[in-house]
Structure formats: C-alpha cells, structure tokens
Amino acid sequence: MTVLASGWTVPIMAGRIDSSCGNSPKLHEFAPLGITGELRRLDYDTANSIRAPMMAARLKLVPASQVTYGTDDPYFRLDQMRDLERLGLDVSDLTAVGSANAVRLIPRLGV
C-alpha cells in the first residue's frame, strides 16, 4: 500500500514524469508497467486538494476506489468533506473516498 499525500501533483505531473523517465533503457527495472502504469497502481489522498481541477486530474489517473479522504489536520480545516460533496461525485464514489477506501487499506479503522 502506498498512499500519496495530497497526490494531486502526481496526476498533473504524470506526463512530464513519463516524458523525462519513460524512455529510459532501464525503465523495466524501476517501472515494469511504465511510468503511468506504476502511478495508476498507487492510492492518493485528498488532503487540502479537493478543488474541482485537482480532483478531476486525480480521477483521470485513478478511479475513486484509489482515493482516500485526507484533512492535513491541524493545518487545514476539518470540513473538507463538505467540499468533496459539492463536486457532484455519485454516492458510491463519495462513500468510497470518504471512508470505505480507508477501511479497505487499514481494516482496523472499520472497527
């Protein structure tokens, strides 16, 4: 399990990362699925990055099942779930991001 904190930068930079590393003769050694393929294997959190462009970039790279709600508490407000709800995600995606994905990644959270 690898969760990227505020992983919105990675989806935005994926093309640049692929352009700079994707032609490496040793690519298969560090990224057997290619750069984008490896980035799609990761889980991402939403810590202070719930704005529509950030979420759109993130959800273009991975499905909602690989996005977990994050707050960056105590540095940012704790009501970011409200912002997430305003993005218009369907109920199953909202539930997944809001709590279900965290429980899947760390089962003891579901207790």
N, C-alpha and C. Protein backbone atom coordinates (compact mmCIF):
# COMPACT_ATOMS: atom_id res chain seq x y z
N MET A 1 0.84 -1.17 0.00
CA MET A 1 0.00 0.00 0.00
C MET A 1 0.89 1.23 0.00
N THR A 2 0.65 2.12 -0.93
CA THR A 2 1.31 3.41 -0.95
C THR A 2 0.24 4.46 -1.19
N VAL A 3 0.11 5.37 -0.24
CA VAL A 3 -0.84 6.47 -0.38
C VAL A 3 -0.03 7.75 -0.51
N LEU A 4 -0.26 8.48 -1.57
CA LEU A 4 0.44 9.74 -1.76
C LEU A 4 -0.35 10.87 -1.11
N ALA A 5 0.27 11.51 -0.14
CA ALA A 5 -0.37 12.65 0.50
C ALA A 5 -0.52 13.78 -0.51
N SER A 6 -1.68 14.37 -0.52
CA SER A 6 -2.00 15.43 -1.47
C SER A 6 -1.53 15.05 -2.86
N GLY A 7 -1.92 13.85 -3.27
CA GLY A 7 -1.46 13.29 -4.53
C GLY A 7 -1.95 13.99 -5.77
N TRP A 8 -2.47 15.18 -5.67
CA TRP A 8 -2.94 15.87 -6.87
C TRP A 8 -1.78 16.30 -7.76
N THR A 9 -0.59 16.50 -7.21
CA THR A 9 0.53 16.93 -8.05
C THR A 9 0.97 15.82 -8.99
N VAL A 10 0.90 14.59 -8.55
CA VAL A 10 1.35 13.47 -9.39
C VAL A 10 0.51 13.34 -10.65
N PRO A 11 -0.83 13.34 -10.57
CA PRO A 11 -1.60 13.26 -11.81
C PRO A 11 -1.29 14.41 -12.77
N ILE A 12 -1.08 15.59 -12.24
CA ILE A 12 -0.78 16.73 -13.09
C ILE A 12 0.61 16.60 -13.72
N MET A 13 1.53 16.03 -12.97
CA MET A 13 2.91 15.90 -13.45
C MET A 13 3.18 14.58 -14.17
N ALA A 14 2.22 13.68 -14.23
CA ALA A 14 2.44 12.34 -14.80
C ALA A 14 3.03 12.39 -16.20
N GLY A 15 2.52 13.25 -17.04
CA GLY A 15 3.03 13.36 -18.40
C GLY A 15 4.49 13.81 -18.42
N ARG A 16 4.82 14.76 -17.58
CA ARG A 16 6.20 15.25 -17.51
C ARG A 16 7.13 14.17 -16.96
N ILE A 17 6.67 13.47 -15.95
CA ILE A 17 7.48 12.38 -15.39
C ILE A 17 7.71 11.31 -16.46
N ASP A 18 6.66 10.98 -17.18
CA ASP A 18 6.78 9.98 -18.25
C ASP A 18 7.72 10.47 -19.35
N SER A 19 7.62 11.74 -19.71
CA SER A 19 8.50 12.29 -20.76
C SER A 19 9.96 12.25 -20.35
N SER A 20 10.24 12.50 -19.08
CA SER A 20 11.63 12.54 -18.65
C SER A 20 12.19 11.16 -18.30
N CYS A 21 11.35 10.24 -17.88
CA CYS A 21 11.84 8.92 -17.44
C CYS A 21 11.36 7.77 -18.32
N GLY A 22 10.29 7.99 -19.08
CA GLY A 22 9.64 6.92 -19.82
C GLY A 22 10.46 6.30 -20.93
N ASN A 23 11.50 6.97 -21.38
CA ASN A 23 12.34 6.42 -22.45
C ASN A 23 13.64 5.82 -21.93
N SER A 24 13.76 5.72 -20.62
CA SER A 24 14.97 5.17 -20.03
C SER A 24 15.16 3.72 -20.46
N PRO A 25 16.39 3.34 -20.83
CA PRO A 25 16.63 1.94 -21.18
C PRO A 25 16.43 1.00 -20.00
N LYS A 26 16.43 1.55 -18.79
CA LYS A 26 16.24 0.74 -17.59
C LYS A 26 14.82 0.86 -17.03
N LEU A 27 13.91 1.38 -17.85
CA LEU A 27 12.54 1.60 -17.39
C LEU A 27 11.93 0.34 -16.77
N HIS A 28 12.12 -0.79 -17.41
CA HIS A 28 11.51 -2.03 -16.90
C HIS A 28 12.03 -2.41 -15.51
N GLU A 29 13.21 -1.90 -15.14
CA GLU A 29 13.77 -2.22 -13.82
C GLU A 29 13.06 -1.46 -12.70
N PHE A 30 12.68 -0.20 -12.96
CA PHE A 30 12.06 0.57 -11.89
C PHE A 30 10.58 0.83 -12.13
N ALA A 31 10.09 0.58 -13.32
CA ALA A 31 8.68 0.78 -13.61
C ALA A 31 8.22 -0.25 -14.64
N PRO A 32 8.05 -1.49 -14.22
CA PRO A 32 7.69 -2.55 -15.16
C PRO A 32 6.40 -2.29 -15.94
N LEU A 33 5.48 -1.52 -15.37
CA LEU A 33 4.22 -1.20 -16.06
C LEU A 33 4.29 0.13 -16.81
N GLY A 34 5.48 0.70 -16.89
CA GLY A 34 5.63 2.04 -17.47
C GLY A 34 5.33 3.07 -16.39
N ILE A 35 5.70 4.30 -16.65
CA ILE A 35 5.52 5.34 -15.64
C ILE A 35 4.04 5.51 -15.28
N THR A 36 3.20 5.71 -16.27
CA THR A 36 1.78 5.91 -15.99
C THR A 36 1.17 4.69 -15.35
N GLY A 37 1.55 3.51 -15.80
CA GLY A 37 1.04 2.28 -15.21
C GLY A 37 1.38 2.16 -13.74
N GLU A 38 2.60 2.52 -13.39
CA GLU A 38 3.00 2.47 -11.98
C GLU A 38 2.26 3.51 -11.16
N LEU A 39 2.08 4.71 -11.72
CA LEU A 39 1.35 5.75 -11.00
C LEU A 39 -0.11 5.35 -10.79
N ARG A 40 -0.65 4.57 -11.70
CA ARG A 40 -2.04 4.11 -11.56
C ARG A 40 -2.20 3.01 -10.51
N ARG A 41 -1.11 2.46 -10.05
CA ARG A 41 -1.17 1.43 -9.01
C ARG A 41 -1.29 2.03 -7.61
N LEU A 42 -0.99 3.32 -7.48
CA LEU A 42 -0.95 3.97 -6.18
C LEU A 42 -2.33 4.40 -5.71
N ASP A 43 -2.42 4.64 -4.41
CA ASP A 43 -3.61 5.25 -3.82
C ASP A 43 -3.25 6.69 -3.51
N TYR A 44 -4.22 7.58 -3.59
CA TYR A 44 -4.00 9.01 -3.40
C TYR A 44 -4.95 9.53 -2.34
N ASP A 45 -4.50 10.53 -1.58
CA ASP A 45 -5.42 11.14 -0.63
C ASP A 45 -5.81 12.54 -1.10
N THR A 46 -6.77 13.12 -0.42
CA THR A 46 -7.32 14.40 -0.84
C THR A 46 -6.87 15.56 0.04
N ALA A 47 -5.91 15.34 0.92
CA ALA A 47 -5.51 16.35 1.90
C ALA A 47 -5.30 17.72 1.26
N ASN A 48 -6.19 18.63 1.62
CA ASN A 48 -6.15 20.02 1.15
C ASN A 48 -6.09 20.13 -0.38
N SER A 49 -6.67 19.18 -1.06
CA SER A 49 -6.67 19.23 -2.54
C SER A 49 -7.98 18.69 -3.10
N ILE A 50 -9.08 19.28 -2.63
CA ILE A 50 -10.40 18.81 -3.03
C ILE A 50 -11.02 19.71 -4.11
N ARG A 51 -10.37 20.73 -4.50
CA ARG A 51 -10.92 21.59 -5.54
C ARG A 51 -11.13 20.81 -6.84
N ALA A 52 -12.11 21.25 -7.61
CA ALA A 52 -12.52 20.51 -8.80
C ALA A 52 -11.38 20.17 -9.76
N PRO A 53 -10.49 21.09 -10.12
CA PRO A 53 -9.41 20.73 -11.06
C PRO A 53 -8.48 19.65 -10.49
N MET A 54 -8.21 19.73 -9.19
CA MET A 54 -7.34 18.74 -8.56
C MET A 54 -7.98 17.36 -8.56
N MET A 55 -9.26 17.32 -8.19
CA MET A 55 -9.97 16.03 -8.17
C MET A 55 -10.13 15.49 -9.58
N ALA A 56 -10.38 16.36 -10.55
CA ALA A 56 -10.53 15.91 -11.94
C ALA A 56 -9.25 15.25 -12.43
N ALA A 57 -8.11 15.87 -12.15
CA ALA A 57 -6.83 15.29 -12.56
C ALA A 57 -6.59 13.96 -11.87
N ARG A 58 -6.89 13.90 -10.59
CA ARG A 58 -6.69 12.67 -9.82
C ARG A 58 -7.58 11.55 -10.35
N LEU A 59 -8.86 11.87 -10.59
CA LEU A 59 -9.80 10.84 -11.05
C LEU A 59 -9.61 10.49 -12.52
N LYS A 60 -8.85 11.27 -13.24
CA LYS A 60 -8.48 10.91 -14.62
C LYS A 60 -7.40 9.84 -14.60
N LEU A 61 -6.57 9.86 -13.57
CA LEU A 61 -5.47 8.89 -13.45
C LEU A 61 -5.94 7.60 -12.78
N VAL A 62 -6.71 7.71 -11.71
CA VAL A 62 -7.16 6.52 -10.96
C VAL A 62 -8.65 6.62 -10.67
N PRO A 63 -9.30 5.48 -10.44
CA PRO A 63 -10.72 5.52 -10.08
C PRO A 63 -10.89 5.97 -8.63
N ALA A 64 -12.10 6.34 -8.26
CA ALA A 64 -12.41 6.78 -6.90
C ALA A 64 -12.04 5.72 -5.87
N SER A 65 -11.97 4.47 -6.26
CA SER A 65 -11.60 3.41 -5.33
C SER A 65 -10.15 3.51 -4.86
N GLN A 66 -9.38 4.40 -5.47
CA GLN A 66 -7.98 4.59 -5.07
C GLN A 66 -7.74 5.99 -4.51
N VAL A 67 -8.81 6.64 -4.09
CA VAL A 67 -8.71 7.97 -3.50
C VAL A 67 -9.29 7.91 -2.09
N THR A 68 -8.54 8.44 -1.12
CA THR A 68 -8.94 8.40 0.27
C THR A 68 -8.98 9.81 0.83
N TYR A 69 -10.01 10.11 1.57
CA TYR A 69 -10.16 11.42 2.19
C TYR A 69 -9.01 11.68 3.16
N GLY A 70 -8.44 12.86 3.07
CA GLY A 70 -7.39 13.30 3.99
C GLY A 70 -7.62 14.75 4.36
N THR A 71 -7.22 15.16 5.56
CA THR A 71 -7.52 16.50 6.03
C THR A 71 -6.31 17.40 6.22
N ASP A 72 -5.13 16.85 6.49
CA ASP A 72 -3.96 17.62 6.90
C ASP A 72 -4.21 18.35 8.21
N ASP A 73 -5.07 17.79 9.05
CA ASP A 73 -5.32 18.34 10.37
C ASP A 73 -3.99 18.37 11.13
N PRO A 74 -3.62 19.40 11.81
CA PRO A 74 -4.37 20.58 12.20
C PRO A 74 -4.10 21.80 11.31
N TYR A 75 -3.45 21.60 10.18
CA TYR A 75 -3.06 22.74 9.35
C TYR A 75 -4.20 23.32 8.53
N PHE A 76 -5.18 22.52 8.21
CA PHE A 76 -6.31 22.98 7.41
C PHE A 76 -7.60 22.56 8.08
N ARG A 77 -8.67 23.22 7.72
CA ARG A 77 -9.95 22.96 8.37
C ARG A 77 -10.41 21.51 8.18
N LEU A 78 -11.25 21.08 9.09
CA LEU A 78 -11.71 19.70 9.09
C LEU A 78 -13.00 19.48 8.30
N ASP A 79 -13.55 20.51 7.69
CA ASP A 79 -14.82 20.35 6.99
C ASP A 79 -14.64 20.16 5.48
N GLN A 80 -13.52 19.64 5.07
CA GLN A 80 -13.28 19.46 3.64
C GLN A 80 -14.20 18.41 3.02
N MET A 81 -14.82 17.59 3.83
CA MET A 81 -15.76 16.61 3.29
C MET A 81 -16.93 17.32 2.62
N ARG A 82 -17.31 18.46 3.16
CA ARG A 82 -18.38 19.26 2.55
C ARG A 82 -17.98 19.70 1.13
N ASP A 83 -16.72 20.10 0.98
CA ASP A 83 -16.23 20.49 -0.35
C ASP A 83 -16.27 19.30 -1.31
N LEU A 84 -15.92 18.14 -0.81
CA LEU A 84 -15.95 16.93 -1.62
C LEU A 84 -17.37 16.62 -2.08
N GLU A 85 -18.33 16.79 -1.18
CA GLU A 85 -19.73 16.54 -1.51
C GLU A 85 -20.22 17.48 -2.61
N ARG A 86 -19.68 18.67 -2.67
CA ARG A 86 -20.11 19.66 -3.67
C ARG A 86 -19.58 19.36 -5.08
N LEU A 87 -18.67 18.43 -5.20
CA LEU A 87 -18.08 18.12 -6.51
C LEU A 87 -19.01 17.31 -7.40
N GLY A 88 -20.06 16.76 -6.84
CA GLY A 88 -21.02 16.02 -7.65
C GLY A 88 -20.65 14.56 -7.90
N LEU A 89 -19.80 14.00 -7.06
CA LEU A 89 -19.49 12.57 -7.19
C LEU A 89 -20.75 11.77 -6.87
N ASP A 90 -20.88 10.60 -7.47
CA ASP A 90 -22.04 9.79 -7.12
C ASP A 90 -21.85 9.25 -5.71
N VAL A 91 -22.94 8.80 -5.12
CA VAL A 91 -22.94 8.40 -3.71
C VAL A 91 -21.92 7.31 -3.42
N SER A 92 -21.79 6.33 -4.31
CA SER A 92 -20.84 5.24 -4.06
C SER A 92 -19.40 5.75 -4.07
N ASP A 93 -19.08 6.67 -4.98
CA ASP A 93 -17.72 7.24 -5.02
C ASP A 93 -17.48 8.11 -3.79
N LEU A 94 -18.47 8.87 -3.39
CA LEU A 94 -18.34 9.72 -2.21
C LEU A 94 -18.11 8.88 -0.95
N THR A 95 -18.85 7.78 -0.83
CA THR A 95 -18.67 6.87 0.30
C THR A 95 -17.29 6.23 0.26
N ALA A 96 -16.86 5.83 -0.93
CA ALA A 96 -15.54 5.21 -1.07
C ALA A 96 -14.45 6.17 -0.63
N VAL A 97 -14.47 7.38 -1.16
CA VAL A 97 -13.45 8.38 -0.83
C VAL A 97 -13.56 8.79 0.63
N GLY A 98 -14.77 8.98 1.11
CA GLY A 98 -14.98 9.47 2.46
C GLY A 98 -14.55 8.52 3.55
N SER A 99 -14.72 7.21 3.34
CA SER A 99 -14.36 6.28 4.42
C SER A 99 -14.05 4.86 3.96
N ALA A 100 -14.77 4.34 2.99
CA ALA A 100 -14.63 2.92 2.62
C ALA A 100 -13.22 2.56 2.15
N ASN A 101 -12.59 3.44 1.39
CA ASN A 101 -11.24 3.13 0.91
C ASN A 101 -10.24 3.09 2.06
N ALA A 102 -10.41 3.97 3.04
CA ALA A 102 -9.52 3.95 4.21
C ALA A 102 -9.67 2.64 4.97
N VAL A 103 -10.91 2.18 5.13
CA VAL A 103 -11.15 0.92 5.82
C VAL A 103 -10.56 -0.25 5.03
N ARG A 104 -10.66 -0.20 3.72
CA ARG A 104 -10.06 -1.25 2.88
C ARG A 104 -8.54 -1.28 3.06
N LEU A 105 -7.93 -0.11 3.09
CA LEU A 105 -6.47 -0.03 3.21
C LEU A 105 -5.99 -0.35 4.63
N ILE A 106 -6.78 0.07 5.63
CA ILE A 106 -6.41 -0.13 7.04
C ILE A 106 -7.65 -0.70 7.75
N PRO A 107 -7.84 -2.01 7.66
CA PRO A 107 -9.07 -2.63 8.16
C PRO A 107 -9.42 -2.29 9.62
N ARG A 108 -8.45 -2.06 10.46
CA ARG A 108 -8.79 -1.77 11.87
C ARG A 108 -9.55 -0.46 12.03
N LEU A 109 -9.56 0.39 11.00
CA LEU A 109 -10.35 1.62 11.06
C LEU A 109 -11.84 1.33 11.04
N GLY A 110 -12.22 0.18 10.52
CA GLY A 110 -13.62 -0.19 10.41
C GLY A 110 -14.21 -0.74 11.69
N VAL A 111 -13.41 -0.90 12.69
CA VAL A 111 -13.87 -1.48 13.96
C VAL A 111 -14.60 -0.46 14.78
